[in-house]
Amino acid sequence: MSRRTAWFVAAGVAVTLVLAFGVSRYASTEPDGLERVAADRALDTGEEPHPLADSPFADYATRGVGDPGLATGLAGVVGVAACFALAGGLVWLATATARRRPAPDADRAPT
């Protein structure tokens, strides 16, 4: 990876982390549009808890953290890290696979 690309990726990750940690703590606690319409129209009366409702990052918060803003920010940082690791792994896999392929023959016409 070139230096320019590395700086670009690092800056993108930094901005994403600042948004995930700093700005997400100011997100509205009101239900989103779909949840609000379901509640207004009484479509959520038979709603059951999700099987992962007790997971560490359920409802965009970190379980065990008392401050709601900090809990949301930490969940955002973990989400950014997970997405970046997944995307980085896929890019690495794709480039590693492309390097192993033999170069196409220059004599053959493309089909």
N, C-alpha and C. Protein backbone atom coordinates (compact mmCIF):
# COMPACT_ATOMS: atom_id res chain seq x y z
N MET A 1 0.85 -1.16 0.00
CA MET A 1 0.00 0.00 0.00
C MET A 1 0.90 1.23 0.00
N SER A 2 0.57 2.19 -0.83
CA SER A 2 1.37 3.40 -0.90
C SER A 2 1.13 4.27 0.33
N ARG A 3 2.03 5.18 0.56
CA ARG A 3 1.90 6.08 1.72
C ARG A 3 0.63 6.93 1.61
N ARG A 4 0.36 7.37 0.41
CA ARG A 4 -0.82 8.20 0.20
C ARG A 4 -2.09 7.43 0.53
N THR A 5 -2.16 6.20 0.10
CA THR A 5 -3.32 5.35 0.38
C THR A 5 -3.42 5.08 1.88
N ALA A 6 -2.29 4.81 2.51
CA ALA A 6 -2.28 4.55 3.95
C ALA A 6 -2.78 5.77 4.73
N TRP A 7 -2.34 6.96 4.34
CA TRP A 7 -2.81 8.18 5.00
C TRP A 7 -4.31 8.38 4.78
N PHE A 8 -4.77 8.10 3.58
CA PHE A 8 -6.20 8.24 3.27
C PHE A 8 -7.04 7.29 4.12
N VAL A 9 -6.60 6.04 4.22
CA VAL A 9 -7.32 5.05 5.02
C VAL A 9 -7.29 5.45 6.49
N ALA A 10 -6.12 5.86 6.98
CA ALA A 10 -6.00 6.26 8.39
C ALA A 10 -6.90 7.46 8.70
N ALA A 11 -6.94 8.43 7.80
CA ALA A 11 -7.81 9.59 8.01
C ALA A 11 -9.27 9.18 8.01
N GLY A 12 -9.65 8.30 7.11
CA GLY A 12 -11.03 7.81 7.07
C GLY A 12 -11.42 7.08 8.34
N VAL A 13 -10.53 6.24 8.83
CA VAL A 13 -10.80 5.53 10.08
C VAL A 13 -10.89 6.51 11.24
N ALA A 14 -10.01 7.49 11.28
CA ALA A 14 -10.03 8.48 12.37
C ALA A 14 -11.35 9.26 12.37
N VAL A 15 -11.78 9.72 11.20
CA VAL A 15 -13.05 10.45 11.11
C VAL A 15 -14.21 9.55 11.54
N THR A 16 -14.19 8.32 11.11
CA THR A 16 -15.25 7.38 11.46
C THR A 16 -15.29 7.13 12.96
N LEU A 17 -14.12 6.98 13.57
CA LEU A 17 -14.08 6.77 15.02
C LEU A 17 -14.58 7.98 15.79
N VAL A 18 -14.21 9.18 15.33
CA VAL A 18 -14.69 10.39 15.99
C VAL A 18 -16.21 10.47 15.89
N LEU A 19 -16.75 10.18 14.72
CA LEU A 19 -18.21 10.20 14.57
C LEU A 19 -18.87 9.12 15.41
N ALA A 20 -18.30 7.92 15.40
CA ALA A 20 -18.90 6.81 16.14
C ALA A 20 -18.87 7.06 17.64
N PHE A 21 -17.77 7.60 18.14
CA PHE A 21 -17.66 7.80 19.59
C PHE A 21 -18.23 9.14 20.03
N GLY A 22 -17.90 10.19 19.29
CA GLY A 22 -18.28 11.52 19.75
C GLY A 22 -19.67 11.95 19.38
N VAL A 23 -20.08 11.70 18.17
CA VAL A 23 -21.37 12.21 17.70
C VAL A 23 -22.52 11.27 18.06
N SER A 24 -22.26 9.97 18.10
CA SER A 24 -23.34 9.01 18.37
C SER A 24 -23.95 9.20 19.74
N ARG A 25 -23.21 9.75 20.68
CA ARG A 25 -23.75 9.95 22.03
C ARG A 25 -24.87 10.99 22.05
N TYR A 26 -24.98 11.77 20.99
CA TYR A 26 -26.04 12.79 20.90
C TYR A 26 -27.21 12.34 20.04
N ALA A 27 -27.22 11.08 19.65
CA ALA A 27 -28.33 10.56 18.83
C ALA A 27 -29.61 10.53 19.65
N SER A 28 -30.71 10.65 18.98
CA SER A 28 -32.01 10.67 19.65
C SER A 28 -32.29 9.32 20.30
N THR A 29 -32.89 9.36 21.46
CA THR A 29 -33.30 8.12 22.13
C THR A 29 -34.72 7.72 21.76
N GLU A 30 -35.39 8.55 20.96
CA GLU A 30 -36.75 8.24 20.51
C GLU A 30 -36.69 7.09 19.49
N PRO A 31 -37.79 6.35 19.36
CA PRO A 31 -37.81 5.27 18.36
C PRO A 31 -37.61 5.82 16.95
N ASP A 32 -36.98 5.01 16.10
CA ASP A 32 -36.80 5.45 14.71
C ASP A 32 -38.15 5.40 13.99
N GLY A 33 -38.15 5.79 12.72
CA GLY A 33 -39.39 5.92 11.97
C GLY A 33 -40.21 4.65 11.92
N LEU A 34 -39.59 3.53 11.63
CA LEU A 34 -40.33 2.28 11.52
C LEU A 34 -40.90 1.85 12.87
N GLU A 35 -40.10 1.98 13.93
CA GLU A 35 -40.59 1.62 15.26
C GLU A 35 -41.74 2.54 15.68
N ARG A 36 -41.63 3.81 15.34
CA ARG A 36 -42.67 4.78 15.71
C ARG A 36 -43.99 4.47 15.00
N VAL A 37 -43.93 4.17 13.70
CA VAL A 37 -45.15 3.85 12.95
C VAL A 37 -45.76 2.56 13.49
N ALA A 38 -44.92 1.57 13.80
CA ALA A 38 -45.44 0.31 14.35
C ALA A 38 -46.14 0.55 15.68
N ALA A 39 -45.58 1.43 16.51
CA ALA A 39 -46.21 1.73 17.80
C ALA A 39 -47.49 2.53 17.60
N ASP A 40 -47.48 3.51 16.70
CA ASP A 40 -48.66 4.34 16.45
C ASP A 40 -49.82 3.52 15.89
N ARG A 41 -49.53 2.55 15.06
CA ARG A 41 -50.56 1.72 14.42
C ARG A 41 -50.83 0.43 15.18
N ALA A 42 -50.21 0.28 16.35
CA ALA A 42 -50.38 -0.91 17.21
C ALA A 42 -49.98 -2.19 16.48
N LEU A 43 -48.99 -2.08 15.61
CA LEU A 43 -48.49 -3.26 14.91
C LEU A 43 -47.46 -4.02 15.74
N ASP A 44 -47.02 -3.42 16.83
CA ASP A 44 -45.97 -4.04 17.63
C ASP A 44 -46.52 -4.77 18.86
N THR A 45 -47.82 -5.03 18.88
CA THR A 45 -48.42 -5.64 20.07
C THR A 45 -47.96 -7.08 20.28
N GLY A 46 -47.68 -7.81 19.24
CA GLY A 46 -47.22 -9.20 19.37
C GLY A 46 -45.71 -9.32 19.32
N GLU A 47 -45.03 -8.22 19.51
CA GLU A 47 -43.57 -8.21 19.41
C GLU A 47 -42.94 -9.05 20.52
N GLU A 48 -41.96 -9.85 20.13
CA GLU A 48 -41.23 -10.68 21.09
C GLU A 48 -39.79 -10.20 21.16
N PRO A 49 -39.12 -10.42 22.29
CA PRO A 49 -37.72 -10.00 22.39
C PRO A 49 -36.84 -10.75 21.39
N HIS A 50 -35.88 -10.08 20.87
CA HIS A 50 -34.94 -10.68 19.93
C HIS A 50 -34.06 -11.67 20.68
N PRO A 51 -33.67 -12.77 20.06
CA PRO A 51 -32.82 -13.75 20.75
C PRO A 51 -31.48 -13.16 21.21
N LEU A 52 -31.01 -12.11 20.56
CA LEU A 52 -29.73 -11.50 20.94
C LEU A 52 -29.91 -10.24 21.77
N ALA A 53 -31.09 -10.07 22.37
CA ALA A 53 -31.36 -8.86 23.16
C ALA A 53 -30.45 -8.74 24.38
N ASP A 54 -29.85 -9.83 24.82
CA ASP A 54 -28.95 -9.80 25.97
C ASP A 54 -27.49 -9.75 25.56
N SER A 55 -27.21 -9.53 24.29
CA SER A 55 -25.81 -9.50 23.83
C SER A 55 -25.12 -8.24 24.35
N PRO A 56 -23.79 -8.22 24.36
CA PRO A 56 -23.05 -7.09 24.95
C PRO A 56 -23.31 -5.74 24.29
N PHE A 57 -23.71 -5.71 23.03
CA PHE A 57 -23.90 -4.44 22.32
C PHE A 57 -25.33 -4.27 21.80
N ALA A 58 -26.29 -4.89 22.45
CA ALA A 58 -27.69 -4.78 22.03
C ALA A 58 -28.17 -3.34 22.19
N ASP A 59 -29.06 -2.93 21.32
CA ASP A 59 -29.65 -1.59 21.33
C ASP A 59 -28.62 -0.48 21.23
N TYR A 60 -27.55 -0.72 20.48
CA TYR A 60 -26.52 0.29 20.22
C TYR A 60 -25.88 0.82 21.50
N ALA A 61 -25.70 -0.03 22.48
CA ALA A 61 -25.08 0.37 23.74
C ALA A 61 -24.19 -0.76 24.24
N THR A 62 -23.27 -0.42 25.12
CA THR A 62 -22.37 -1.40 25.71
C THR A 62 -22.90 -1.76 27.08
N ARG A 63 -23.21 -3.04 27.27
CA ARG A 63 -23.75 -3.47 28.55
C ARG A 63 -22.69 -3.30 29.64
N GLY A 64 -23.13 -2.85 30.80
CA GLY A 64 -22.24 -2.69 31.94
C GLY A 64 -21.65 -1.30 32.08
N VAL A 65 -21.90 -0.42 31.13
CA VAL A 65 -21.41 0.95 31.20
C VAL A 65 -22.57 1.82 31.66
N GLY A 66 -22.37 2.54 32.77
CA GLY A 66 -23.45 3.31 33.37
C GLY A 66 -23.86 4.54 32.59
N ASP A 67 -22.92 5.23 31.97
CA ASP A 67 -23.22 6.46 31.23
C ASP A 67 -23.78 6.08 29.85
N PRO A 68 -25.02 6.45 29.53
CA PRO A 68 -25.60 6.07 28.25
C PRO A 68 -24.83 6.60 27.04
N GLY A 69 -24.31 7.83 27.13
CA GLY A 69 -23.53 8.37 26.01
C GLY A 69 -22.25 7.60 25.78
N LEU A 70 -21.56 7.26 26.86
CA LEU A 70 -20.33 6.48 26.75
C LEU A 70 -20.63 5.07 26.25
N ALA A 71 -21.72 4.48 26.72
CA ALA A 71 -22.10 3.13 26.28
C ALA A 71 -22.38 3.10 24.79
N THR A 72 -23.05 4.13 24.28
CA THR A 72 -23.33 4.21 22.84
C THR A 72 -22.04 4.44 22.05
N GLY A 73 -21.19 5.34 22.54
CA GLY A 73 -19.93 5.63 21.86
C GLY A 73 -19.02 4.41 21.78
N LEU A 74 -18.92 3.66 22.87
CA LEU A 74 -18.09 2.45 22.86
C LEU A 74 -18.63 1.40 21.90
N ALA A 75 -19.95 1.26 21.86
CA ALA A 75 -20.54 0.32 20.92
C ALA A 75 -20.24 0.74 19.48
N GLY A 76 -20.26 2.05 19.23
CA GLY A 76 -19.92 2.55 17.90
C GLY A 76 -18.47 2.26 17.52
N VAL A 77 -17.56 2.46 18.47
CA VAL A 77 -16.14 2.19 18.21
C VAL A 77 -15.91 0.70 17.93
N VAL A 78 -16.57 -0.16 18.69
CA VAL A 78 -16.44 -1.61 18.45
C VAL A 78 -17.01 -1.96 17.07
N GLY A 79 -18.12 -1.33 16.70
CA GLY A 79 -18.69 -1.58 15.38
C GLY A 79 -17.78 -1.14 14.25
N VAL A 80 -17.16 0.03 14.42
CA VAL A 80 -16.21 0.52 13.41
C VAL A 80 -15.03 -0.44 13.30
N ALA A 81 -14.49 -0.85 14.43
CA ALA A 81 -13.34 -1.77 14.42
C ALA A 81 -13.70 -3.09 13.75
N ALA A 82 -14.88 -3.62 14.05
CA ALA A 82 -15.30 -4.88 13.45
C ALA A 82 -15.47 -4.75 11.93
N CYS A 83 -16.11 -3.66 11.49
CA CYS A 83 -16.30 -3.44 10.05
C CYS A 83 -14.97 -3.23 9.34
N PHE A 84 -14.08 -2.46 9.95
CA PHE A 84 -12.78 -2.22 9.33
C PHE A 84 -11.98 -3.52 9.25
N ALA A 85 -12.02 -4.33 10.30
CA ALA A 85 -11.30 -5.61 10.28
C ALA A 85 -11.87 -6.54 9.21
N LEU A 86 -13.18 -6.60 9.10
CA LEU A 86 -13.81 -7.45 8.09
C LEU A 86 -13.47 -6.97 6.68
N ALA A 87 -13.61 -5.66 6.44
CA ALA A 87 -13.32 -5.12 5.12
C ALA A 87 -11.83 -5.29 4.79
N GLY A 88 -10.97 -5.02 5.76
CA GLY A 88 -9.53 -5.20 5.53
C GLY A 88 -9.17 -6.64 5.22
N GLY A 89 -9.81 -7.56 5.92
CA GLY A 89 -9.56 -8.98 5.64
C GLY A 89 -10.03 -9.39 4.26
N LEU A 90 -11.17 -8.86 3.83
CA LEU A 90 -11.66 -9.18 2.48
C LEU A 90 -10.76 -8.59 1.40
N VAL A 91 -10.27 -7.37 1.62
CA VAL A 91 -9.35 -6.76 0.66
C VAL A 91 -8.05 -7.55 0.61
N TRP A 92 -7.55 -7.93 1.76
CA TRP A 92 -6.31 -8.73 1.80
C TRP A 92 -6.51 -10.05 1.07
N LEU A 93 -7.63 -10.72 1.32
CA LEU A 93 -7.91 -12.00 0.66
C LEU A 93 -8.02 -11.82 -0.85
N ALA A 94 -8.69 -10.77 -1.30
CA ALA A 94 -8.85 -10.54 -2.73
C ALA A 94 -7.51 -10.25 -3.40
N THR A 95 -6.67 -9.42 -2.76
CA THR A 95 -5.38 -9.11 -3.37
C THR A 95 -4.44 -10.31 -3.32
N ALA A 96 -4.50 -11.09 -2.25
CA ALA A 96 -3.65 -12.28 -2.16
C ALA A 96 -4.06 -13.30 -3.23
N THR A 97 -5.34 -13.43 -3.46
CA THR A 97 -5.83 -14.36 -4.48
C THR A 97 -5.44 -13.87 -5.87
N ALA A 98 -5.53 -12.58 -6.10
CA ALA A 98 -5.19 -12.02 -7.42
C ALA A 98 -3.70 -12.18 -7.71
N ARG A 99 -2.86 -12.10 -6.70
CA ARG A 99 -1.42 -12.25 -6.91
C ARG A 99 -1.04 -13.68 -7.28
N ARG A 100 -1.83 -14.66 -6.83
CA ARG A 100 -1.50 -16.06 -7.11
C ARG A 100 -1.91 -16.50 -8.50
N ARG A 101 -2.81 -15.77 -9.13
CA ARG A 101 -3.26 -16.16 -10.47
C ARG A 101 -2.15 -15.92 -11.49
N PRO A 102 -1.98 -16.83 -12.41
CA PRO A 102 -0.98 -16.60 -13.46
C PRO A 102 -1.45 -15.49 -14.40
N ALA A 103 -0.50 -14.78 -14.95
CA ALA A 103 -0.82 -13.71 -15.89
C ALA A 103 -1.42 -14.33 -17.15
N PRO A 104 -2.39 -13.69 -17.77
CA PRO A 104 -2.97 -14.23 -19.01
C PRO A 104 -1.93 -14.22 -20.12
N ASP A 105 -2.05 -15.20 -21.01
CA ASP A 105 -1.14 -15.28 -22.14
C ASP A 105 -1.38 -14.12 -23.09
N ALA A 106 -0.31 -13.48 -23.51
CA ALA A 106 -0.44 -12.34 -24.44
C ALA A 106 -0.77 -12.85 -25.83
N ASP A 107 -0.46 -14.11 -26.14
CA ASP A 107 -0.71 -14.65 -27.47
C ASP A 107 -2.18 -14.96 -27.72
N ARG A 108 -2.90 -15.27 -26.65
CA ARG A 108 -4.28 -15.67 -26.82
C ARG A 108 -5.18 -14.46 -26.96
N ALA A 109 -6.14 -14.57 -27.82
CA ALA A 109 -7.13 -13.50 -27.97
C ALA A 109 -8.16 -13.66 -26.86
N PRO A 110 -8.64 -12.54 -26.32
CA PRO A 110 -9.66 -12.66 -25.26
C PRO A 110 -10.92 -13.29 -25.81
N THR A 111 -11.58 -14.05 -24.95
CA THR A 111 -12.83 -14.73 -25.38
C THR A 111 -14.02 -14.03 -24.83
